[in-house]
């Protein structure tokens, strides 16, 4: 895992925690019957987990696309 990947994951976790807390604050479950959304720390932790996974996934897609572009550029230079 390189430095840029860690930055993407930490950014995703941070965004997820903020999104989870916002969901709990504005929408959350008041009755206590909802296992995830009834407590702020459950919703924030779940949001952080999902944000970290999403950040890692986005980084992988972006990195793969960059590698394909570099490969295509080197092929074009070789064919010239």
PDB file of N, CA and C in Angstrom:
ATOM      1  N   UNK A   1       0.856  -1.165   0.000  1.00  0.00           N
ATOM      2  CA  UNK A   1       0.000   0.000   0.000  1.00  0.00           C
ATOM      3  C   UNK A   1       0.904   1.230   0.000  1.00  0.00           C
ATOM      4  N   UNK A   2       0.767   2.038  -1.028  1.00  0.00           N
ATOM      5  CA  UNK A   2       1.621   3.220  -1.096  1.00  0.00           C
ATOM      6  C   UNK A   2       0.952   4.423  -0.409  1.00  0.00           C
ATOM      7  N   UNK A   3       1.693   5.509  -0.350  1.00  0.00           N
ATOM      8  CA  UNK A   3       1.260   6.696   0.387  1.00  0.00           C
ATOM      9  C   UNK A   3      -0.043   7.271  -0.182  1.00  0.00           C
ATOM     10  N   UNK A   4      -0.165   7.306  -1.502  1.00  0.00           N
ATOM     11  CA  UNK A   4      -1.370   7.859  -2.119  1.00  0.00           C
ATOM     12  C   UNK A   4      -2.595   7.008  -1.801  1.00  0.00           C
ATOM     13  N   UNK A   5      -2.403   5.701  -1.744  1.00  0.00           N
ATOM     14  CA  UNK A   5      -3.514   4.810  -1.399  1.00  0.00           C
ATOM     15  C   UNK A   5      -3.990   5.078   0.028  1.00  0.00           C
ATOM     16  N   UNK A   6      -3.054   5.258   0.941  1.00  0.00           N
ATOM     17  CA  UNK A   6      -3.403   5.546   2.336  1.00  0.00           C
ATOM     18  C   UNK A   6      -4.172   6.856   2.427  1.00  0.00           C
ATOM     19  N   UNK A   7      -3.762   7.855   1.656  1.00  0.00           N
ATOM     20  CA  UNK A   7      -4.456   9.151   1.661  1.00  0.00           C
ATOM     21  C   UNK A   7      -5.892   8.988   1.188  1.00  0.00           C
ATOM     22  N   UNK A   8      -6.101   8.205   0.119  1.00  0.00           N
ATOM     23  CA  UNK A   8      -7.451   7.967  -0.393  1.00  0.00           C
ATOM     24  C   UNK A   8      -8.316   7.255   0.646  1.00  0.00           C
ATOM     25  N   UNK A   9      -7.742   6.261   1.317  1.00  0.00           N
ATOM     26  CA  UNK A   9      -8.505   5.511   2.320  1.00  0.00           C
ATOM     27  C   UNK A   9      -8.840   6.402   3.512  1.00  0.00           C
ATOM     28  N   UNK A  10      -7.874   7.169   4.001  1.00  0.00           N
ATOM     29  CA  UNK A  10      -8.134   8.063   5.140  1.00  0.00           C
ATOM     30  C   UNK A  10      -9.166   9.125   4.769  1.00  0.00           C
ATOM     31  N   UNK A  11      -9.076   9.655   3.562  1.00  0.00           N
ATOM     32  CA  UNK A  11     -10.082  10.622   3.105  1.00  0.00           C
ATOM     33  C   UNK A  11     -11.470   9.999   3.043  1.00  0.00           C
ATOM     34  N   UNK A  12     -11.529   8.757   2.561  1.00  0.00           N
ATOM     35  CA  UNK A  12     -12.815   8.056   2.503  1.00  0.00           C
ATOM     36  C   UNK A  12     -13.384   7.797   3.891  1.00  0.00           C
ATOM     37  N   UNK A  13     -12.527   7.394   4.820  1.00  0.00           N
ATOM     38  CA  UNK A  13     -12.972   7.155   6.196  1.00  0.00           C
ATOM     39  C   UNK A  13     -13.481   8.448   6.818  1.00  0.00           C
ATOM     40  N   UNK A  14     -12.751   9.531   6.625  1.00  0.00           N
ATOM     41  CA  UNK A  14     -13.163  10.828   7.180  1.00  0.00           C
ATOM     42  C   UNK A  14     -14.506  11.256   6.613  1.00  0.00           C
ATOM     43  N   UNK A  15     -14.644  11.160   5.296  1.00  0.00           N
ATOM     44  CA  UNK A  15     -15.917  11.521   4.661  1.00  0.00           C
ATOM     45  C   UNK A  15     -17.039  10.614   5.157  1.00  0.00           C
ATOM     46  N   UNK A  16     -16.761   9.323   5.293  1.00  0.00           N
ATOM     47  CA  UNK A  16     -17.772   8.376   5.755  1.00  0.00           C
ATOM     48  C   UNK A  16     -18.227   8.648   7.171  1.00  0.00           C
ATOM     49  N   UNK A  17     -17.279   8.991   8.047  1.00  0.00           N
ATOM     50  CA  UNK A  17     -17.648   9.310   9.434  1.00  0.00           C
ATOM     51  C   UNK A  17     -18.544  10.538   9.468  1.00  0.00           C
ATOM     52  N   UNK A  18     -18.184  11.556   8.693  1.00  0.00           N
ATOM     53  CA  UNK A  18     -19.014  12.774   8.666  1.00  0.00           C
ATOM     54  C   UNK A  18     -20.392  12.478   8.077  1.00  0.00           C
ATOM     55  N   UNK A  19     -20.435  11.676   7.027  1.00  0.00           N
ATOM     56  CA  UNK A  19     -21.715  11.331   6.411  1.00  0.00           C
ATOM     57  C   UNK A  19     -22.563  10.484   7.363  1.00  0.00           C
ATOM     58  N   UNK A  20     -21.936   9.532   8.052  1.00  0.00           N
ATOM     59  CA  UNK A  20     -22.663   8.701   9.003  1.00  0.00           C
ATOM     60  C   UNK A  20     -23.240   9.504  10.156  1.00  0.00           C
ATOM     61  N   UNK A  21     -22.421  10.398  10.694  1.00  0.00           N
ATOM     62  CA  UNK A  21     -22.910  11.235  11.790  1.00  0.00           C
ATOM     63  C   UNK A  21     -24.042  12.137  11.309  1.00  0.00           C
ATOM     64  N   UNK A  22     -23.899  12.708  10.117  1.00  0.00           N
ATOM     65  CA  UNK A  22     -24.958  13.567   9.562  1.00  0.00           C
ATOM     66  C   UNK A  22     -26.243  12.778   9.369  1.00  0.00           C
ATOM     67  N   UNK A  23     -26.116  11.550   8.903  1.00  0.00           N
ATOM     68  CA  UNK A  23     -27.310  10.710   8.725  1.00  0.00           C
ATOM     69  C   UNK A  23     -27.987  10.474  10.069  1.00  0.00           C
ATOM     70  N   UNK A  24     -27.197  10.144  11.084  1.00  0.00           N
ATOM     71  CA  UNK A  24     -27.778   9.913  12.409  1.00  0.00           C
ATOM     72  C   UNK A  24     -28.447  11.184  12.925  1.00  0.00           C
ATOM     73  N   UNK A  25     -27.792  12.329  12.766  1.00  0.00           N
ATOM     74  CA  UNK A  25     -28.288  13.583  13.314  1.00  0.00           C
ATOM     75  C   UNK A  25     -29.589  14.018  12.638  1.00  0.00           C
ATOM     76  N   UNK A  26     -29.633  13.928  11.309  1.00  0.00           N
ATOM     77  CA  UNK A  26     -30.794  14.455  10.590  1.00  0.00           C
ATOM     78  C   UNK A  26     -31.887  13.416  10.348  1.00  0.00           C
ATOM     79  N   UNK A  27     -31.544  12.153  10.214  1.00  0.00           N
ATOM     80  CA  UNK A  27     -32.542  11.145   9.849  1.00  0.00           C
ATOM     81  C   UNK A  27     -32.693  10.081  10.920  1.00  0.00           C
ATOM     82  N   UNK A  28     -31.628   9.647  11.536  1.00  0.00           N
ATOM     83  CA  UNK A  28     -31.530   8.556  12.509  1.00  0.00           C
ATOM     84  C   UNK A  28     -32.813   7.978  13.064  1.00  0.00           C
ATOM     85  N   UNK A  29     -32.674   6.932  13.806  1.00  0.00           N
ATOM     86  CA  UNK A  29     -33.795   6.195  14.377  1.00  0.00           C
ATOM     87  C   UNK A  29     -33.986   6.624  15.831  1.00  0.00           C
ATOM     88  N   UNK A  30     -35.123   7.199  16.142  1.00  0.00           N
ATOM     89  CA  UNK A  30     -35.383   7.686  17.498  1.00  0.00           C
ATOM     90  C   UNK A  30     -35.888   6.595  18.444  1.00  0.00           C
ATOM     91  N   UNK A  31     -36.443   5.529  17.897  1.00  0.00           N
ATOM     92  CA  UNK A  31     -37.066   4.510  18.745  1.00  0.00           C
ATOM     93  C   UNK A  31     -36.056   3.584  19.395  1.00  0.00           C
ATOM     94  N   UNK A  32     -34.855   3.478  18.850  1.00  0.00           N
ATOM     95  CA  UNK A  32     -33.853   2.565  19.378  1.00  0.00           C
ATOM     96  C   UNK A  32     -33.964   1.172  18.801  1.00  0.00           C
ATOM     97  N   UNK A  33     -34.881   0.954  17.891  1.00  0.00           N
ATOM     98  CA  UNK A  33     -35.093  -0.355  17.290  1.00  0.00           C
ATOM     99  C   UNK A  33     -34.130  -0.641  16.144  1.00  0.00           C
ATOM    100  N   UNK A  34     -33.480   0.384  15.612  1.00  0.00           N
ATOM    101  CA  UNK A  34     -32.584   0.225  14.470  1.00  0.00           C
ATOM    102  C   UNK A  34     -31.169  -0.030  14.991  1.00  0.00           C
ATOM    103  N   UNK A  35     -30.561  -1.173  14.661  1.00  0.00           N
ATOM    104  CA  UNK A  35     -29.260  -1.489  15.239  1.00  0.00           C
ATOM    105  C   UNK A  35     -28.122  -0.568  14.799  1.00  0.00           C
ATOM    106  N   UNK A  36     -28.184  -0.029  13.602  1.00  0.00           N
ATOM    107  CA  UNK A  36     -27.093   0.816  13.124  1.00  0.00           C
ATOM    108  C   UNK A  36     -27.385   2.290  13.383  1.00  0.00           C
ATOM    109  N   UNK A  37     -28.577   2.740  13.082  1.00  0.00           N
ATOM    110  CA  UNK A  37     -28.852   4.173  13.111  1.00  0.00           C
ATOM    111  C   UNK A  37     -29.387   4.694  14.443  1.00  0.00           C
ATOM    112  N   UNK A  38     -29.530   3.842  15.462  1.00  0.00           N
ATOM    113  CA  UNK A  38     -30.064   4.348  16.731  1.00  0.00           C
ATOM    114  C   UNK A  38     -29.008   5.061  17.568  1.00  0.00           C
ATOM    115  N   UNK A  39     -27.730   4.715  17.384  1.00  0.00           N
ATOM    116  CA  UNK A  39     -26.653   5.338  18.153  1.00  0.00           C
ATOM    117  C   UNK A  39     -25.680   6.039  17.210  1.00  0.00           C
ATOM    118  N   UNK A  40     -25.232   7.224  17.609  1.00  0.00           N
ATOM    119  CA  UNK A  40     -24.389   8.018  16.714  1.00  0.00           C
ATOM    120  C   UNK A  40     -23.077   7.325  16.415  1.00  0.00           C
ATOM    121  N   UNK A  41     -22.498   6.641  17.394  1.00  0.00           N
ATOM    122  CA  UNK A  41     -21.196   6.024  17.146  1.00  0.00           C
ATOM    123  C   UNK A  41     -21.308   4.787  16.255  1.00  0.00           C
ATOM    124  N   UNK A  42     -22.446   4.095  16.272  1.00  0.00           N
ATOM    125  CA  UNK A  42     -22.632   2.984  15.340  1.00  0.00           C
ATOM    126  C   UNK A  42     -22.732   3.498  13.904  1.00  0.00           C
ATOM    127  N   UNK A  43     -23.530   4.539  13.724  1.00  0.00           N
ATOM    128  CA  UNK A  43     -23.712   5.098  12.387  1.00  0.00           C
ATOM    129  C   UNK A  43     -22.414   5.693  11.868  1.00  0.00           C
ATOM    130  N   UNK A  44     -21.664   6.384  12.722  1.00  0.00           N
ATOM    131  CA  UNK A  44     -20.390   6.975  12.304  1.00  0.00           C
ATOM    132  C   UNK A  44     -19.365   5.892  11.959  1.00  0.00           C
ATOM    133  N   UNK A  45     -19.308   4.839  12.763  1.00  0.00           N
ATOM    134  CA  UNK A  45     -18.361   3.749  12.488  1.00  0.00           C
ATOM    135  C   UNK A  45     -18.708   3.039  11.185  1.00  0.00           C
ATOM    136  N   UNK A  46     -19.983   2.782  10.970  1.00  0.00           N
ATOM    137  CA  UNK A  46     -20.420   2.135   9.729  1.00  0.00           C
ATOM    138  C   UNK A  46     -20.108   3.031   8.528  1.00  0.00           C
ATOM    139  N   UNK A  47     -20.368   4.317   8.663  1.00  0.00           N
ATOM    140  CA  UNK A  47     -20.053   5.265   7.594  1.00  0.00           C
ATOM    141  C   UNK A  47     -18.567   5.316   7.314  1.00  0.00           C
ATOM    142  N   UNK A  48     -17.748   5.298   8.365  1.00  0.00           N
ATOM    143  CA  UNK A  48     -16.291   5.290   8.193  1.00  0.00           C
ATOM    144  C   UNK A  48     -15.810   4.042   7.485  1.00  0.00           C
ATOM    145  N   UNK A  49     -16.376   2.897   7.847  1.00  0.00           N
ATOM    146  CA  UNK A  49     -16.011   1.639   7.189  1.00  0.00           C
ATOM    147  C   UNK A  49     -16.369   1.673   5.702  1.00  0.00           C
ATOM    148  N   UNK A  50     -17.579   2.092   5.406  1.00  0.00           N
ATOM    149  CA  UNK A  50     -18.014   2.156   4.006  1.00  0.00           C
ATOM    150  C   UNK A  50     -17.212   3.209   3.228  1.00  0.00           C
ATOM    151  N   UNK A  51     -16.902   4.330   3.858  1.00  0.00           N
ATOM    152  CA  UNK A  51     -16.104   5.366   3.212  1.00  0.00           C
ATOM    153  C   UNK A  51     -14.695   4.893   2.907  1.00  0.00           C
ATOM    154  N   UNK A  52     -14.092   4.160   3.841  1.00  0.00           N
ATOM    155  CA  UNK A  52     -12.757   3.621   3.618  1.00  0.00           C
ATOM    156  C   UNK A  52     -12.736   2.613   2.475  1.00  0.00           C
ATOM    157  N   UNK A  53     -13.734   1.754   2.436  1.00  0.00           N
ATOM    158  CA  UNK A  53     -13.828   0.784   1.338  1.00  0.00           C
ATOM    159  C   UNK A  53     -14.038   1.487   0.005  1.00  0.00           C
ATOM    160  N   UNK A  54     -14.880   2.500   0.004  1.00  0.00           N
ATOM    161  CA  UNK A  54     -15.133   3.246  -1.227  1.00  0.00           C
ATOM    162  C   UNK A  54     -13.887   3.997  -1.680  1.00  0.00           C
ATOM    163  N   UNK A  55     -13.174   4.610  -0.745  1.00  0.00           N
ATOM    164  CA  UNK A  55     -11.935   5.316  -1.082  1.00  0.00           C
ATOM    165  C   UNK A  55     -10.901   4.374  -1.671  1.00  0.00           C
ATOM    166  N   UNK A  56     -10.779   3.178  -1.103  1.00  0.00           N
ATOM    167  CA  UNK A  56      -9.837   2.186  -1.616  1.00  0.00           C
ATOM    168  C   UNK A  56     -10.239   1.726  -3.014  1.00  0.00           C
ATOM    169  N   UNK A  57     -11.537   1.538  -3.218  1.00  0.00           N
ATOM    170  CA  UNK A  57     -12.030   1.097  -4.519  1.00  0.00           C
ATOM    171  C   UNK A  57     -11.795   2.169  -5.590  1.00  0.00           C
ATOM    172  N   UNK A  58     -12.073   3.410  -5.259  1.00  0.00           N
ATOM    173  CA  UNK A  58     -11.864   4.506  -6.214  1.00  0.00           C
ATOM    174  C   UNK A  58     -10.384   4.629  -6.557  1.00  0.00           C
ATOM    175  N   UNK A  59      -9.504   4.512  -5.556  1.00  0.00           N
ATOM    176  CA  UNK A  59      -8.073   4.576  -5.811  1.00  0.00           C
ATOM    177  C   UNK A  59      -7.641   3.465  -6.764  1.00  0.00           C
ATOM    178  N   UNK A  60      -8.141   2.257  -6.544  1.00  0.00           N
ATOM    179  CA  UNK A  60      -7.775   1.136  -7.407  1.00  0.00           C
ATOM    180  C   UNK A  60      -8.209   1.372  -8.849  1.00  0.00           C
ATOM    181  N   UNK A  61      -9.390   1.916  -9.031  1.00  0.00           N
ATOM    182  CA  UNK A  61      -9.887   2.200 -10.383  1.00  0.00           C
ATOM    183  C   UNK A  61      -9.039   3.266 -11.056  1.00  0.00           C
ATOM    184  N   UNK A  62      -8.740   4.331 -10.323  1.00  0.00           N
ATOM    185  CA  UNK A  62      -7.933   5.428 -10.874  1.00  0.00           C
ATOM    186  C   UNK A  62      -6.527   4.936 -11.206  1.00  0.00           C
ATOM    187  N   UNK A  63      -5.931   4.145 -10.310  1.00  0.00           N
ATOM    188  CA  UNK A  63      -4.582   3.638 -10.540  1.00  0.00           C
ATOM    189  C   UNK A  63      -4.543   2.706 -11.749  1.00  0.00           C
ATOM    190  N   UNK A  64      -5.548   1.869 -11.883  1.00  0.00           N
ATOM    191  CA  UNK A  64      -5.604   0.948 -13.032  1.00  0.00           C
ATOM    192  C   UNK A  64      -5.720   1.727 -14.341  1.00  0.00           C
ATOM    193  N   UNK A  65      -6.550   2.768 -14.329  1.00  0.00           N
ATOM    194  CA  UNK A  65      -6.714   3.594 -15.519  1.00  0.00           C
ATOM    195  C   UNK A  65      -5.408   4.294 -15.884  1.00  0.00           C
ATOM    196  N   UNK A  66      -4.678   4.799 -14.884  1.00  0.00           N
ATOM    197  CA  UNK A  66      -3.382   5.450 -15.125  1.00  0.00           C
ATOM    198  C   UNK A  66      -2.370   4.472 -15.708  1.00  0.00           C
ATOM    199  N   UNK A  67      -2.351   3.256 -15.189  1.00  0.00           N
ATOM    200  CA  UNK A  67      -1.420   2.251 -15.695  1.00  0.00           C
ATOM    201  C   UNK A  67      -1.733   1.888 -17.141  1.00  0.00           C
ATOM    202  N   UNK A  68      -3.038   1.806 -17.468  1.00  0.00           N
ATOM    203  CA  UNK A  68      -3.426   1.503 -18.853  1.00  0.00           C
ATOM    204  C   UNK A  68      -3.007   2.630 -19.788  1.00  0.00           C
ATOM    205  N   UNK A  69      -3.175   3.884 -19.342  1.00  0.00           N
ATOM    206  CA  UNK A  69      -2.776   5.026 -20.171  1.00  0.00           C
ATOM    207  C   UNK A  69      -1.265   5.034 -20.394  1.00  0.00           C
ATOM    208  N   UNK A  70      -0.496   4.735 -19.354  1.00  0.00           N
ATOM    209  CA  UNK A  70       0.958   4.676 -19.504  1.00  0.00           C
ATOM    210  C   UNK A  70       1.363   3.560 -20.457  1.00  0.00           C
ATOM    211  N   UNK A  71       0.689   2.424 -20.380  1.00  0.00           N
ATOM    212  CA  UNK A  71       0.995   1.310 -21.274  1.00  0.00           C
ATOM    213  C   UNK A  71       0.666   1.684 -22.714  1.00  0.00           C
ATOM    214  N   UNK A  72      -0.448   2.351 -22.922  1.00  0.00           N
ATOM    215  CA  UNK A  72      -0.852   2.772 -24.260  1.00  0.00           C
ATOM    216  C   UNK A  72       0.130   3.791 -24.829  1.00  0.00           C
ATOM    217  N   UNK A  73       0.620   4.713 -23.998  1.00  0.00           N
ATOM    218  CA  UNK A  73       1.567   5.707 -24.447  1.00  0.00           C
ATOM    219  C   UNK A  73       2.905   5.062 -24.827  1.00  0.00           C
ATOM    220  N   UNK A  74       3.318   4.074 -24.035  1.00  0.00           N
ATOM    221  CA  UNK A  74       4.596   3.417 -24.363  1.00  0.00           C
ATOM    222  C   UNK A  74       4.466   2.580 -25.635  1.00  0.00           C
ATOM    223  N   UNK A  75       3.293   2.005 -25.888  1.00  0.00           N
ATOM    224  CA  UNK A  75       3.056   1.249 -27.120  1.00  0.00           C
ATOM    225  C   UNK A  75       3.089   2.182 -28.334  1.00  0.00           C
ATOM    226  N   UNK A  76       2.508   3.377 -28.162  1.00  0.00           N
ATOM    227  CA  UNK A  76       2.503   4.336 -29.268  1.00  0.00           C
ATOM    228  C   UNK A  76       3.908   4.808 -29.588  1.00  0.00           C
ATOM    229  N   UNK A  77       4.736   5.020 -28.575  1.00  0.00           N
ATOM    230  CA  UNK A  77       6.109   5.424 -28.792  1.00  0.00           C
ATOM    231  C   UNK A  77       6.917   4.315 -29.463  1.00  0.00           C
ATOM    232  N   UNK A  78       6.658   3.078 -29.079  1.00  0.00           N
ATOM    233  CA  UNK A  78       7.358   1.939 -29.668  1.00  0.00           C
ATOM    234  C   UNK A  78       6.994   1.746 -31.135  1.00  0.00           C
ATOM    235  N   UNK A  79       5.733   2.044 -31.500  1.00  0.00           N
ATOM    236  CA  UNK A  79       5.289   1.840 -32.882  1.00  0.00           C
ATOM    237  C   UNK A  79       5.764   2.960 -33.811  1.00  0.00           C
ATOM    238  N   UNK A  80       6.168   4.106 -33.244  1.00  0.00           N
ATOM    239  CA  UNK A  80       6.650   5.216 -34.085  1.00  0.00           C
ATOM    240  C   UNK A  80       7.996   4.982 -34.606  1.00  0.00           C
TER     241      UNK A  80
END
